[in-house]
Structure formats: structure tokens, C-alpha cells
Amino acid sequence: MRRILGPVLVGLGCFFLAVALLVRFYAYPELAVAPVNQNSVTKLQAEDATYFNTSTLSEEQTDLSVQNLTLGDAEATEEAGDDVRVWFGSQSIRAADGTIISRSQERVAFGATDGAAVNCCDAFTETTEGERTAANREGQVYKLPFNTQKQTYQWWDGTLGESIDMEFVEETDIDGLTVYRFESDVPATEVGTREIPGSLVDSDEPSVTATTIYENSRTLWVEPETGAIVDRNESTRTSLEYEGEEAIVATDANLEYTDETVATNREDLGDLGRQLALARTTAPIVLGVLGLLLLGLGILLARRRSADSRAA
């Protein structure tokens, strides 16, 4: 029995080491990619928000509901290559009475693994008015990288038109699911101009040019294995200034994911995160250690058998 046990253990040890390497360097990279056929709905809400009603030309307070639909563009993704994903997103914002305040659409291309924007594939942004413009994004867009690190990332802000620092704050949890908390801040910044009726600023002119001021504080709770957002809070304010004074508050809202969205994200991302962690660390380590132990034991038995043979 000892004659064959040593070689068997050596063979098993080599097998487990090979499997450990395959899981870590083949199976994990195959799993740690954004889906091609993404199909998800994310809902946010804001209580007592302020928005400018273009029908009544007045500021109004209401609860807001936001729905984001994200769909994978399989054809564009195939043309772009395996390392790129192309997703189409649409957003609708409604007042408490169901009135649609705004709608927008976008096409975004990003790295399948790192989540960073890729400028290709006819990426665009389209506003409520139907004005489609080519988008030249940079930084993270929908998510952070797989195996997110505790560091600062660049996050794309579409309103600002540039990427900003998304800083790691702390490791915490949401109902038992480990998440990383990241924060970004955009101070009051001029982002463009807009024509408004002169009557809104007590001007005799039919229309005047106002400056658009934007500010935002954003918090993301990210599942680190997937890099996907479990929860989100965004305090955003956009106003119009004329001759150095604030004339209109276009939007002032504290948006956050609904409880339903957070619960769904927690369940789905928690399961996927555990699978990725198993493939990235747990399985390779366990299989690797077992393989080394079997290999070492097999070699030891083989040497003892060889020594016994010489002694005889």
C-alpha cells in the first residue's frame, strides 16, 4: 500500500494545485465581468423637493420619484469586444401627482471589469428636449471595479461634465452585508447658461441669459466584490443666477434609493459577492493548501519507501 500511496498523494496534490490555479486565474476572471444583457430598474425618491414648474413658471414643493431603467446593448457590446460593455439607460422623474418633470436617455460604454468609461460605440446623452449630444466620459460610470479597494476613485458627473473624486470613507454593513462607503462633493459651480423669461427677474427684456449653478453631495454604499451600488444618497441643487443673484431654484432634492431597491440589491449582490469571493480567495487558498499538504505528504512517503528499500 505504501508503494502506491506516495505517488497517489503526489498526483492528488498536483491536481488540487492545478484546480486552485484554474479557479483563480480562469474561472474568477470569467465571473468578474459586467453582464452583457443587463436588465434592471432602480428607483429613488425625494421628500419635500423643490423644482421649477415650467408650465406655471414658479417654484413648487413635492415628493419626487425617479426611475432608472438600464438595458444591455448586446449588439454594440459584441462589436466593441469582450473587454467592453455598452448599456442604455433611461431616467424619468415624476412629481407626487404623477406629472413627468423630466426624462433623459444615455448610452454608456465602459470596461467590463474595471467599470471605467470607454469612449466608443456612439455613446451619447439625450435630454428631455430631445437634444442628443455625443458623450466623452471619463472615470467610473455605473459602478466601481470588481474587487473594489479602499481608495479614491474618479466618478463621472454628467451634470458637471467631468469626473470627480469619490473618496473611500469606511467599511460598514447594510443588514449584515459588508459594504464600502464612498463620498463625493461638488461645491456650487457654474455649469452653463440658459435663456429664461425676463419677467422672472423683473426685467423688461423678453428673455435674459441666466447662469446655471450646480452643487451635489453623493454617498455610495458599494458591495466590494462586485463593485456594484447597494444604496445611494444624493443631495443635489441646481439654481439660476442673474446679475450675480439667485433668481430661480430649478431643483433642490435629497434623493435616495427606495427600501425596495436596497433590499433587492442587498440580496442579489450579496449572493454574487459571495460567489466571487469564493472564486477569488477562499477556493484557491483551500485547494492550494490541500494540494501542498498532499504533495508534501506524498513526497515524504515516497522518500521513506526509497530509504527502506536501500536499507533492505
C-alpha atoms as a PDB file:
ATOM      1  CA  MET A   1       0.000   0.000   0.000  1.00  0.00           C
ATOM      2  CA  ARG A   2       2.789   2.434   0.896  1.00  0.00           C
ATOM      3  CA  ARG A   3       4.358   1.713  -2.501  1.00  0.00           C
ATOM      4  CA  ILE A   4       1.417   3.264  -4.346  1.00  0.00           C
ATOM      5  CA  LEU A   5       0.160   5.678  -1.674  1.00  0.00           C
ATOM      6  CA  GLY A   6       3.007   8.152  -2.120  1.00  0.00           C
ATOM      7  CA  PRO A   7       2.581   8.581  -5.892  1.00  0.00           C
ATOM      8  CA  VAL A   8      -1.216   8.788  -5.485  1.00  0.00           C
ATOM      9  CA  LEU A   9      -0.890  11.576  -2.941  1.00  0.00           C
ATOM     10  CA  VAL A  10       1.593  13.400  -5.177  1.00  0.00           C
ATOM     11  CA  GLY A  11      -0.857  13.102  -8.068  1.00  0.00           C
ATOM     12  CA  LEU A  12      -3.758  14.370  -5.963  1.00  0.00           C
ATOM     13  CA  GLY A  13      -1.642  17.250  -4.673  1.00  0.00           C
ATOM     14  CA  CYS A  14      -0.719  18.316  -8.195  1.00  0.00           C
ATOM     15  CA  PHE A  15      -4.383  18.011  -9.215  1.00  0.00           C
ATOM     16  CA  PHE A  16      -5.624  20.263  -6.388  1.00  0.00           C
ATOM     17  CA  LEU A  17      -2.891  22.824  -7.096  1.00  0.00           C
ATOM     18  CA  ALA A  18      -3.891  22.881 -10.760  1.00  0.00           C
ATOM     19  CA  VAL A  19      -7.567  23.330  -9.868  1.00  0.00           C
ATOM     20  CA  ALA A  20      -6.671  26.163  -7.471  1.00  0.00           C
ATOM     21  CA  LEU A  21      -4.828  27.966 -10.257  1.00  0.00           C
ATOM     22  CA  LEU A  22      -7.677  27.382 -12.723  1.00  0.00           C
ATOM     23  CA  VAL A  23     -10.282  28.745 -10.311  1.00  0.00           C
ATOM     24  CA  ARG A  24      -8.268  31.868  -9.527  1.00  0.00           C
ATOM     25  CA  PHE A  25      -6.867  32.704 -12.946  1.00  0.00           C
ATOM     26  CA  TYR A  26      -9.548  31.338 -15.273  1.00  0.00           C
ATOM     27  CA  ALA A  27     -12.890  30.902 -13.510  1.00  0.00           C
ATOM     28  CA  TYR A  28     -12.694  34.135 -11.499  1.00  0.00           C
ATOM     29  CA  PRO A  29     -11.882  36.406 -14.483  1.00  0.00           C
ATOM     30  CA  GLU A  30     -14.806  34.806 -16.342  1.00  0.00           C
ATOM     31  CA  LEU A  31     -17.156  35.629 -13.441  1.00  0.00           C
ATOM     32  CA  ALA A  32     -15.837  39.105 -12.600  1.00  0.00           C
ATOM     33  CA  VAL A  33     -17.277  40.916 -15.623  1.00  0.00           C
ATOM     34  CA  ALA A  34     -20.349  43.119 -16.006  1.00  0.00           C
ATOM     35  CA  PRO A  35     -23.251  41.352 -17.752  1.00  0.00           C
ATOM     36  CA  VAL A  36     -23.856  41.867 -21.449  1.00  0.00           C
ATOM     37  CA  ASN A  37     -27.635  41.599 -21.181  1.00  0.00           C
ATOM     38  CA  GLN A  38     -28.149  43.908 -18.214  1.00  0.00           C
ATOM     39  CA  ASN A  39     -31.822  44.487 -17.386  1.00  0.00           C
ATOM     40  CA  SER A  40     -32.532  46.348 -14.169  1.00  0.00           C
ATOM     41  CA  VAL A  41     -34.782  49.015 -12.692  1.00  0.00           C
ATOM     42  CA  THR A  42     -33.553  51.288  -9.925  1.00  0.00           C
ATOM     43  CA  LYS A  43     -35.916  53.565  -8.027  1.00  0.00           C
ATOM     44  CA  LEU A  44     -35.120  56.657  -5.962  1.00  0.00           C
ATOM     45  CA  GLN A  45     -37.294  59.053  -4.003  1.00  0.00           C
ATOM     46  CA  ALA A  46     -37.042  62.528  -2.500  1.00  0.00           C
ATOM     47  CA  GLU A  47     -39.425  64.052   0.034  1.00  0.00           C
ATOM     48  CA  ASP A  48     -40.326  67.750   0.016  1.00  0.00           C
ATOM     49  CA  ALA A  49     -38.186  68.510  -3.011  1.00  0.00           C
ATOM     50  CA  THR A  50     -38.234  71.839  -4.825  1.00  0.00           C
ATOM     51  CA  TYR A  51     -38.439  72.067  -8.608  1.00  0.00           C
ATOM     52  CA  PHE A  52     -39.234  74.765 -11.121  1.00  0.00           C
ATOM     53  CA  ASN A  53     -42.520  74.128 -12.902  1.00  0.00           C
ATOM     54  CA  THR A  54     -42.058  75.361 -16.472  1.00  0.00           C
ATOM     55  CA  SER A  55     -45.830  75.330 -17.017  1.00  0.00           C
ATOM     56  CA  THR A  56     -46.629  77.747 -14.186  1.00  0.00           C
ATOM     57  CA  LEU A  57     -43.171  79.431 -14.179  1.00  0.00           C
ATOM     58  CA  SER A  58     -42.955  79.015 -10.422  1.00  0.00           C
ATOM     59  CA  GLU A  59     -41.081  77.013  -7.801  1.00  0.00           C
ATOM     60  CA  GLU A  60     -43.085  74.157  -6.293  1.00  0.00           C
ATOM     61  CA  GLN A  61     -42.595  71.641  -3.475  1.00  0.00           C
ATOM     62  CA  THR A  62     -43.440  67.993  -3.978  1.00  0.00           C
ATOM     63  CA  ASP A  63     -42.232  64.464  -3.344  1.00  0.00           C
ATOM     64  CA  LEU A  64     -40.245  63.152  -6.296  1.00  0.00           C
ATOM     65  CA  SER A  65     -39.939  59.629  -7.653  1.00  0.00           C
ATOM     66  CA  VAL A  66     -37.139  58.664 -10.015  1.00  0.00           C
ATOM     67  CA  GLN A  67     -36.979  55.504 -12.100  1.00  0.00           C
ATOM     68  CA  ASN A  68     -33.824  54.405 -13.887  1.00  0.00           C
ATOM     69  CA  LEU A  69     -34.052  51.633 -16.473  1.00  0.00           C
ATOM     70  CA  THR A  70     -30.761  50.052 -17.574  1.00  0.00           C
ATOM     71  CA  LEU A  71     -30.557  47.677 -20.538  1.00  0.00           C
ATOM     72  CA  GLY A  72     -27.528  45.990 -22.048  1.00  0.00           C
ATOM     73  CA  ASP A  73     -26.905  46.594 -25.747  1.00  0.00           C
ATOM     74  CA  ALA A  74     -25.715  43.128 -26.780  1.00  0.00           C
ATOM     75  CA  GLU A  75     -25.081  44.038 -30.414  1.00  0.00           C
ATOM     76  CA  ALA A  76     -22.967  47.094 -29.574  1.00  0.00           C
ATOM     77  CA  THR A  77     -21.106  45.128 -26.916  1.00  0.00           C
ATOM     78  CA  GLU A  78     -20.266  42.373 -29.391  1.00  0.00           C
ATOM     79  CA  GLU A  79     -18.901  44.940 -31.838  1.00  0.00           C
ATOM     80  CA  ALA A  80     -16.877  46.651 -29.091  1.00  0.00           C
ATOM     81  CA  GLY A  81     -15.156  43.459 -27.894  1.00  0.00           C
ATOM     82  CA  ASP A  82     -15.076  41.260 -24.795  1.00  0.00           C
ATOM     83  CA  ASP A  83     -13.454  43.887 -22.550  1.00  0.00           C
ATOM     84  CA  VAL A  84     -16.204  46.493 -23.108  1.00  0.00           C
ATOM     85  CA  ARG A  85     -19.864  46.669 -22.115  1.00  0.00           C
ATOM     86  CA  VAL A  86     -22.413  49.004 -23.691  1.00  0.00           C
ATOM     87  CA  TRP A  87     -25.527  49.821 -21.680  1.00  0.00           C
ATOM     88  CA  PHE A  88     -28.505  52.015 -22.488  1.00  0.00           C
ATOM     89  CA  GLY A  89     -30.067  53.988 -19.640  1.00  0.00           C
ATOM     90  CA  SER A  90     -33.251  55.998 -19.353  1.00  0.00           C
ATOM     91  CA  GLN A  91     -34.459  58.125 -16.450  1.00  0.00           C
ATOM     92  CA  SER A  92     -37.851  59.615 -15.657  1.00  0.00           C
ATOM     93  CA  ILE A  93     -38.586  61.997 -12.788  1.00  0.00           C
ATOM     94  CA  ARG A  94     -42.174  62.458 -11.611  1.00  0.00           C
ATOM     95  CA  ALA A  95     -43.909  64.702  -9.108  1.00  0.00           C
ATOM     96  CA  ALA A  96     -46.214  63.272  -6.445  1.00  0.00           C
ATOM     97  CA  ASP A  97     -49.268  63.758  -8.689  1.00  0.00           C
ATOM     98  CA  GLY A  98     -47.651  61.747 -11.490  1.00  0.00           C
ATOM     99  CA  THR A  99     -46.609  64.720 -13.600  1.00  0.00           C
ATOM    100  CA  ILE A 100     -43.437  63.989 -15.540  1.00  0.00           C
ATOM    101  CA  ILE A 101     -40.864  66.624 -14.675  1.00  0.00           C
ATOM    102  CA  SER A 102     -38.083  65.390 -16.902  1.00  0.00           C
ATOM    103  CA  ARG A 103     -36.873  62.487 -18.989  1.00  0.00           C
ATOM    104  CA  SER A 104     -33.412  61.643 -20.255  1.00  0.00           C
ATOM    105  CA  GLN A 105     -31.566  58.858 -22.034  1.00  0.00           C
ATOM    106  CA  GLU A 106     -27.969  57.814 -22.436  1.00  0.00           C
ATOM    107  CA  ARG A 107     -25.711  55.203 -23.972  1.00  0.00           C
ATOM    108  CA  VAL A 108     -22.615  54.376 -21.962  1.00  0.00           C
ATOM    109  CA  ALA A 109     -19.597  52.231 -22.814  1.00  0.00           C
ATOM    110  CA  PHE A 110     -17.318  51.056 -20.001  1.00  0.00           C
ATOM    111  CA  GLY A 111     -14.751  48.430 -19.089  1.00  0.00           C
ATOM    112  CA  ALA A 112     -16.296  45.039 -18.345  1.00  0.00           C
ATOM    113  CA  THR A 113     -14.033  44.520 -15.329  1.00  0.00           C
ATOM    114  CA  ASP A 114     -12.876  47.937 -14.128  1.00  0.00           C
ATOM    115  CA  GLY A 115     -16.144  49.826 -14.779  1.00  0.00           C
ATOM    116  CA  ALA A 116     -14.306  52.855 -16.188  1.00  0.00           C
ATOM    117  CA  ALA A 117     -15.764  54.787 -19.115  1.00  0.00           C
ATOM    118  CA  VAL A 118     -14.651  53.898 -22.636  1.00  0.00           C
ATOM    119  CA  ASN A 119     -15.216  56.446 -25.372  1.00  0.00           C
ATOM    120  CA  CYS A 120     -16.648  54.429 -28.215  1.00  0.00           C
ATOM    121  CA  CYS A 121     -19.824  52.875 -29.509  1.00  0.00           C
ATOM    122  CA  ASP A 122     -21.757  56.096 -30.237  1.00  0.00           C
ATOM    123  CA  ALA A 123     -22.055  56.970 -26.544  1.00  0.00           C
ATOM    124  CA  PHE A 124     -24.479  59.845 -26.038  1.00  0.00           C
ATOM    125  CA  THR A 125     -26.642  61.852 -23.648  1.00  0.00           C
ATOM    126  CA  GLU A 126     -30.167  62.942 -24.539  1.00  0.00           C
ATOM    127  CA  THR A 127     -32.139  65.463 -22.504  1.00  0.00           C
ATOM    128  CA  THR A 128     -35.875  65.963 -22.059  1.00  0.00           C
ATOM    129  CA  GLU A 129     -35.909  68.345 -25.005  1.00  0.00           C
ATOM    130  CA  GLY A 130     -34.640  65.592 -27.293  1.00  0.00           C
ATOM    131  CA  GLU A 131     -31.198  67.101 -27.713  1.00  0.00           C
ATOM    132  CA  ARG A 132     -28.796  64.196 -28.223  1.00  0.00           C
ATOM    133  CA  THR A 133     -25.127  65.030 -27.794  1.00  0.00           C
ATOM    134  CA  ALA A 134     -22.070  62.820 -28.093  1.00  0.00           C
ATOM    135  CA  ALA A 135     -20.645  61.942 -24.699  1.00  0.00           C
ATOM    136  CA  ASN A 136     -16.943  61.883 -23.894  1.00  0.00           C
ATOM    137  CA  ARG A 137     -16.940  60.429 -20.391  1.00  0.00           C
ATOM    138  CA  GLU A 138     -14.115  59.501 -18.048  1.00  0.00           C
ATOM    139  CA  GLY A 139     -13.891  57.742 -14.687  1.00  0.00           C
ATOM    140  CA  GLN A 140     -16.360  55.271 -13.200  1.00  0.00           C
ATOM    141  CA  VAL A 141     -19.908  55.405 -14.522  1.00  0.00           C
ATOM    142  CA  TYR A 142     -22.395  52.766 -13.353  1.00  0.00           C
ATOM    143  CA  LYS A 143     -20.183  51.006 -10.828  1.00  0.00           C
ATOM    144  CA  LEU A 144     -16.755  50.680  -9.257  1.00  0.00           C
ATOM    145  CA  PRO A 145     -14.295  47.924 -10.249  1.00  0.00           C
ATOM    146  CA  PHE A 146     -14.716  44.315  -9.249  1.00  0.00           C
ATOM    147  CA  ASN A 147     -12.678  43.763  -6.067  1.00  0.00           C
ATOM    148  CA  THR A 148     -13.144  47.408  -5.084  1.00  0.00           C
ATOM    149  CA  GLN A 149     -10.311  48.807  -2.991  1.00  0.00           C
ATOM    150  CA  LYS A 150     -10.400  51.245  -0.068  1.00  0.00           C
ATOM    151  CA  GLN A 151      -9.160  54.177  -2.101  1.00  0.00           C
ATOM    152  CA  THR A 152     -10.325  57.239  -4.030  1.00  0.00           C
ATOM    153  CA  TYR A 153     -11.821  56.670  -7.490  1.00  0.00           C
ATOM    154  CA  GLN A 154     -12.793  59.087 -10.238  1.00  0.00           C
ATOM    155  CA  TRP A 155     -16.591  59.179 -10.687  1.00  0.00           C
ATOM    156  CA  TRP A 156     -18.259  60.678 -13.756  1.00  0.00           C
ATOM    157  CA  ASP A 157     -20.716  63.516 -13.027  1.00  0.00           C
ATOM    158  CA  GLY A 158     -22.857  64.124 -16.096  1.00  0.00           C
ATOM    159  CA  THR A 159     -24.182  67.488 -14.955  1.00  0.00           C
ATOM    160  CA  LEU A 160     -20.709  68.784 -14.188  1.00  0.00           C
ATOM    161  CA  GLY A 161     -19.321  67.250 -17.374  1.00  0.00           C
ATOM    162  CA  GLU A 162     -16.195  65.843 -15.718  1.00  0.00           C
ATOM    163  CA  SER A 163     -15.078  63.241 -13.227  1.00  0.00           C
ATOM    164  CA  ILE A 164     -14.745  63.997  -9.524  1.00  0.00           C
ATOM    165  CA  ASP A 165     -13.098  62.346  -6.517  1.00  0.00           C
ATOM    166  CA  MET A 166     -15.149  59.553  -4.991  1.00  0.00           C
ATOM    167  CA  GLU A 167     -13.404  59.038  -1.648  1.00  0.00           C
ATOM    168  CA  PHE A 168     -13.485  55.896   0.494  1.00  0.00           C
ATOM    169  CA  VAL A 169     -14.869  56.723   3.945  1.00  0.00           C
ATOM    170  CA  GLU A 170     -15.406  53.492   5.867  1.00  0.00           C
ATOM    171  CA  GLU A 171     -16.265  49.814   5.783  1.00  0.00           C
ATOM    172  CA  THR A 172     -19.730  49.226   7.188  1.00  0.00           C
ATOM    173  CA  ASP A 173     -22.709  46.961   6.570  1.00  0.00           C
ATOM    174  CA  ILE A 174     -26.309  47.045   5.367  1.00  0.00           C
ATOM    175  CA  ASP A 175     -28.354  44.442   7.240  1.00  0.00           C
ATOM    176  CA  GLY A 176     -25.302  42.217   7.587  1.00  0.00           C
ATOM    177  CA  LEU A 177     -23.907  42.735   4.069  1.00  0.00           C
ATOM    178  CA  THR A 178     -20.415  44.240   4.086  1.00  0.00           C
ATOM    179  CA  VAL A 179     -20.236  47.431   2.026  1.00  0.00           C
ATOM    180  CA  TYR A 180     -17.730  50.222   1.447  1.00  0.00           C
ATOM    181  CA  ARG A 181     -18.976  53.769   1.870  1.00  0.00           C
ATOM    182  CA  PHE A 182     -17.752  56.361  -0.613  1.00  0.00           C
ATOM    183  CA  GLU A 183     -18.497  60.089  -0.735  1.00  0.00           C
ATOM    184  CA  SER A 184     -18.081  62.895  -3.259  1.00  0.00           C
ATOM    185  CA  ASP A 185     -18.822  66.597  -3.081  1.00  0.00           C
ATOM    186  CA  VAL A 186     -19.321  69.197  -5.787  1.00  0.00           C
ATOM    187  CA  PRO A 187     -19.382  72.758  -4.406  1.00  0.00           C
ATOM    188  CA  ALA A 188     -21.542  75.389  -6.103  1.00  0.00           C
ATOM    189  CA  THR A 189     -20.157  75.504  -9.644  1.00  0.00           C
ATOM    190  CA  GLU A 190     -21.127  77.277 -12.856  1.00  0.00           C
ATOM    191  CA  VAL A 191     -22.045  74.652 -15.446  1.00  0.00           C
ATOM    192  CA  GLY A 192     -23.570  76.724 -18.254  1.00  0.00           C
ATOM    193  CA  THR A 193     -26.124  79.338 -19.172  1.00  0.00           C
ATOM    194  CA  ARG A 194     -29.819  79.300 -20.001  1.00  0.00           C
ATOM    195  CA  GLU A 195     -32.326  81.667 -21.501  1.00  0.00           C
ATOM    196  CA  ILE A 196     -35.237  82.497 -19.163  1.00  0.00           C
ATOM    197  CA  PRO A 197     -38.183  84.914 -19.446  1.00  0.00           C
ATOM    198  CA  GLY A 198     -37.183  88.410 -18.373  1.00  0.00           C
ATOM    199  CA  SER A 199     -40.319  88.658 -16.235  1.00  0.00           C
ATOM    200  CA  LEU A 200     -38.839  86.101 -13.819  1.00  0.00           C
ATOM    201  CA  VAL A 201     -36.127  88.569 -12.840  1.00  0.00           C
ATOM    202  CA  ASP A 202     -38.150  91.796 -13.180  1.00  0.00           C
ATOM    203  CA  SER A 203     -36.518  92.639 -16.493  1.00  0.00           C
ATOM    204  CA  ASP A 204     -38.245  94.459 -19.347  1.00  0.00           C
ATOM    205  CA  GLU A 205     -36.400  92.230 -21.828  1.00  0.00           C
ATOM    206  CA  PRO A 206     -38.396  89.313 -23.322  1.00  0.00           C
ATOM    207  CA  SER A 207     -35.620  86.950 -22.288  1.00  0.00           C
ATOM    208  CA  VAL A 208     -32.350  87.145 -20.420  1.00  0.00           C
ATOM    209  CA  THR A 209     -29.351  84.859 -20.011  1.00  0.00           C
ATOM    210  CA  ALA A 210     -29.026  83.255 -16.575  1.00  0.00           C
ATOM    211  CA  THR A 211     -26.078  81.291 -15.209  1.00  0.00           C
ATOM    212  CA  THR A 212     -26.699  77.696 -14.117  1.00  0.00           C
ATOM    213  CA  ILE A 213     -25.205  76.835 -10.721  1.00  0.00           C
ATOM    214  CA  TYR A 214     -24.889  73.191  -9.692  1.00  0.00           C
ATOM    215  CA  GLU A 215     -23.891  71.562  -6.411  1.00  0.00           C
ATOM    216  CA  ASN A 216     -24.053  67.960  -5.255  1.00  0.00           C
ATOM    217  CA  SER A 217     -23.160  65.707  -2.324  1.00  0.00           C
ATOM    218  CA  ARG A 218     -23.224  61.996  -3.164  1.00  0.00           C
ATOM    219  CA  THR A 219     -22.830  58.907  -0.974  1.00  0.00           C
ATOM    220  CA  LEU A 220     -22.496  55.383  -2.374  1.00  0.00           C
ATOM    221  CA  TRP A 221     -22.597  52.123  -0.442  1.00  0.00           C
ATOM    222  CA  VAL A 222     -20.744  49.592  -2.608  1.00  0.00           C
ATOM    223  CA  GLU A 223     -20.560  45.801  -2.375  1.00  0.00           C
ATOM    224  CA  PRO A 224     -16.766  45.395  -2.717  1.00  0.00           C
ATOM    225  CA  GLU A 225     -16.518  42.084  -4.596  1.00  0.00           C
ATOM    226  CA  THR A 226     -18.848  43.216  -7.385  1.00  0.00           C
ATOM    227  CA  GLY A 227     -18.199  46.972  -7.229  1.00  0.00           C
ATOM    228  CA  ALA A 228     -21.955  47.475  -7.601  1.00  0.00           C
ATOM    229  CA  ILE A 229     -24.009  50.046  -5.685  1.00  0.00           C
ATOM    230  CA  VAL A 230     -26.270  48.675  -2.960  1.00  0.00           C
ATOM    231  CA  ASP A 231     -27.536  52.028  -1.674  1.00  0.00           C
ATOM    232  CA  ARG A 232     -27.223  55.640  -2.762  1.00  0.00           C
ATOM    233  CA  ASN A 233     -27.977  59.066  -1.373  1.00  0.00           C
ATOM    234  CA  GLU A 234     -27.641  62.241  -3.408  1.00  0.00           C
ATOM    235  CA  SER A 235     -28.318  65.790  -2.243  1.00  0.00           C
ATOM    236  CA  THR A 236     -28.445  67.890  -5.400  1.00  0.00           C
ATOM    237  CA  ARG A 237     -29.245  71.546  -6.065  1.00  0.00           C
ATOM    238  CA  THR A 238     -29.413  73.441  -9.338  1.00  0.00           C
ATOM    239  CA  SER A 239     -30.241  77.147  -9.464  1.00  0.00           C
ATOM    240  CA  LEU A 240     -30.201  80.000 -11.973  1.00  0.00           C
ATOM    241  CA  GLU A 241     -28.419  83.250 -11.227  1.00  0.00           C
ATOM    242  CA  TYR A 242     -28.938  86.592 -12.950  1.00  0.00           C
ATOM    243  CA  GLU A 243     -26.600  89.508 -12.458  1.00  0.00           C
ATOM    244  CA  GLY A 244     -24.925  87.733  -9.530  1.00  0.00           C
ATOM    245  CA  GLU A 245     -28.099  86.944  -7.602  1.00  0.00           C
ATOM    246  CA  GLU A 246     -30.068  83.725  -7.364  1.00  0.00           C
ATOM    247  CA  ALA A 247     -33.243  84.025  -9.421  1.00  0.00           C
ATOM    248  CA  ILE A 248     -34.676  80.506  -9.599  1.00  0.00           C
ATOM    249  CA  VAL A 249     -34.210  77.223  -7.774  1.00  0.00           C
ATOM    250  CA  ALA A 250     -34.539  74.705 -10.582  1.00  0.00           C
ATOM    251  CA  THR A 251     -34.033  71.628  -8.378  1.00  0.00           C
ATOM    252  CA  ASP A 252     -33.347  71.069  -4.699  1.00  0.00           C
ATOM    253  CA  ALA A 253     -33.759  67.438  -3.658  1.00  0.00           C
ATOM    254  CA  ASN A 254     -32.323  64.765  -1.406  1.00  0.00           C
ATOM    255  CA  LEU A 255     -32.618  61.603  -3.473  1.00  0.00           C
ATOM    256  CA  GLU A 256     -32.153  58.118  -2.048  1.00  0.00           C
ATOM    257  CA  TYR A 257     -32.790  54.547  -3.118  1.00  0.00           C
ATOM    258  CA  THR A 258     -36.167  53.199  -2.081  1.00  0.00           C
ATOM    259  CA  ASP A 259     -36.232  50.476   0.588  1.00  0.00           C
ATOM    260  CA  GLU A 260     -37.370  48.000  -2.070  1.00  0.00           C
ATOM    261  CA  THR A 261     -34.398  48.793  -4.304  1.00  0.00           C
ATOM    262  CA  VAL A 262     -31.936  48.464  -1.408  1.00  0.00           C
ATOM    263  CA  ALA A 263     -33.437  45.122  -0.335  1.00  0.00           C
ATOM    264  CA  THR A 264     -33.247  43.746  -3.881  1.00  0.00           C
ATOM    265  CA  ASN A 265     -29.665  44.956  -4.325  1.00  0.00           C
ATOM    266  CA  ARG A 266     -28.641  43.514  -0.986  1.00  0.00           C
ATOM    267  CA  GLU A 267     -29.992  40.067  -1.844  1.00  0.00           C
ATOM    268  CA  ASP A 268     -28.725  39.897  -5.432  1.00  0.00           C
ATOM    269  CA  LEU A 269     -25.312  41.469  -4.859  1.00  0.00           C
ATOM    270  CA  GLY A 270     -24.773  39.573  -1.630  1.00  0.00           C
ATOM    271  CA  ASP A 271     -25.157  36.233  -3.434  1.00  0.00           C
ATOM    272  CA  LEU A 272     -22.933  37.290  -6.328  1.00  0.00           C
ATOM    273  CA  GLY A 273     -20.347  38.783  -3.994  1.00  0.00           C
ATOM    274  CA  ARG A 274     -20.061  35.526  -2.054  1.00  0.00           C
ATOM    275  CA  GLN A 275     -19.563  33.569  -5.292  1.00  0.00           C
ATOM    276  CA  LEU A 276     -16.838  35.953  -6.420  1.00  0.00           C
ATOM    277  CA  ALA A 277     -15.091  35.876  -3.037  1.00  0.00           C
ATOM    278  CA  LEU A 278     -15.156  32.081  -3.155  1.00  0.00           C
ATOM    279  CA  ALA A 279     -13.548  32.037  -6.605  1.00  0.00           C
ATOM    280  CA  ARG A 280     -11.066  34.845  -5.885  1.00  0.00           C
ATOM    281  CA  THR A 281      -9.729  33.819  -2.473  1.00  0.00           C
ATOM    282  CA  THR A 282     -11.442  31.043  -0.496  1.00  0.00           C
ATOM    283  CA  ALA A 283     -11.430  28.230  -3.054  1.00  0.00           C
ATOM    284  CA  PRO A 284      -7.897  28.871  -4.402  1.00  0.00           C
ATOM    285  CA  ILE A 285      -6.463  29.115  -0.885  1.00  0.00           C
ATOM    286  CA  VAL A 286      -8.202  25.987   0.431  1.00  0.00           C
ATOM    287  CA  LEU A 287      -7.424  23.961  -2.686  1.00  0.00           C
ATOM    288  CA  GLY A 288      -3.860  25.287  -2.797  1.00  0.00           C
ATOM    289  CA  VAL A 289      -3.137  24.444   0.851  1.00  0.00           C
ATOM    290  CA  LEU A 290      -4.709  20.997   0.477  1.00  0.00           C
ATOM    291  CA  GLY A 291      -2.693  20.404  -2.681  1.00  0.00           C
ATOM    292  CA  LEU A 292       0.565  21.392  -0.993  1.00  0.00           C
ATOM    293  CA  LEU A 293      -0.161  19.164   2.021  1.00  0.00           C
ATOM    294  CA  LEU A 294      -0.946  16.155  -0.162  1.00  0.00           C
ATOM    295  CA  LEU A 295       2.059  16.813  -2.360  1.00  0.00           C
ATOM    296  CA  GLY A 296       4.360  17.122   0.656  1.00  0.00           C
ATOM    297  CA  LEU A 297       2.964  14.009   2.302  1.00  0.00           C
ATOM    298  CA  GLY A 298       3.258  12.038  -0.919  1.00  0.00           C
ATOM    299  CA  ILE A 299       6.883  13.069  -1.406  1.00  0.00           C
ATOM    300  CA  LEU A 300       7.655  12.191   2.217  1.00  0.00           C
ATOM    301  CA  LEU A 301       6.136   8.719   1.857  1.00  0.00           C
ATOM    302  CA  ALA A 302       7.981   8.161  -1.414  1.00  0.00           C
ATOM    303  CA  ARG A 303      11.310   9.103   0.210  1.00  0.00           C
ATOM    304  CA  ARG A 304      10.643   6.786   3.178  1.00  0.00           C
ATOM    305  CA  ARG A 305       9.870   3.919   0.812  1.00  0.00           C
ATOM    306  CA  SER A 306      13.070   4.645  -1.076  1.00  0.00           C
ATOM    307  CA  ALA A 307      15.068   4.727   2.176  1.00  0.00           C
ATOM    308  CA  ASP A 308      13.533   1.436   3.344  1.00  0.00           C
ATOM    309  CA  SER A 309      14.438  -0.178   0.031  1.00  0.00           C
ATOM    310  CA  ARG A 310      18.069   0.866   0.330  1.00  0.00           C
ATOM    311  CA  ALA A 311      18.202  -0.353   3.931  1.00  0.00           C
ATOM    312  CA  ALA A 312      16.894  -3.745   2.916  1.00  0.00           C
END
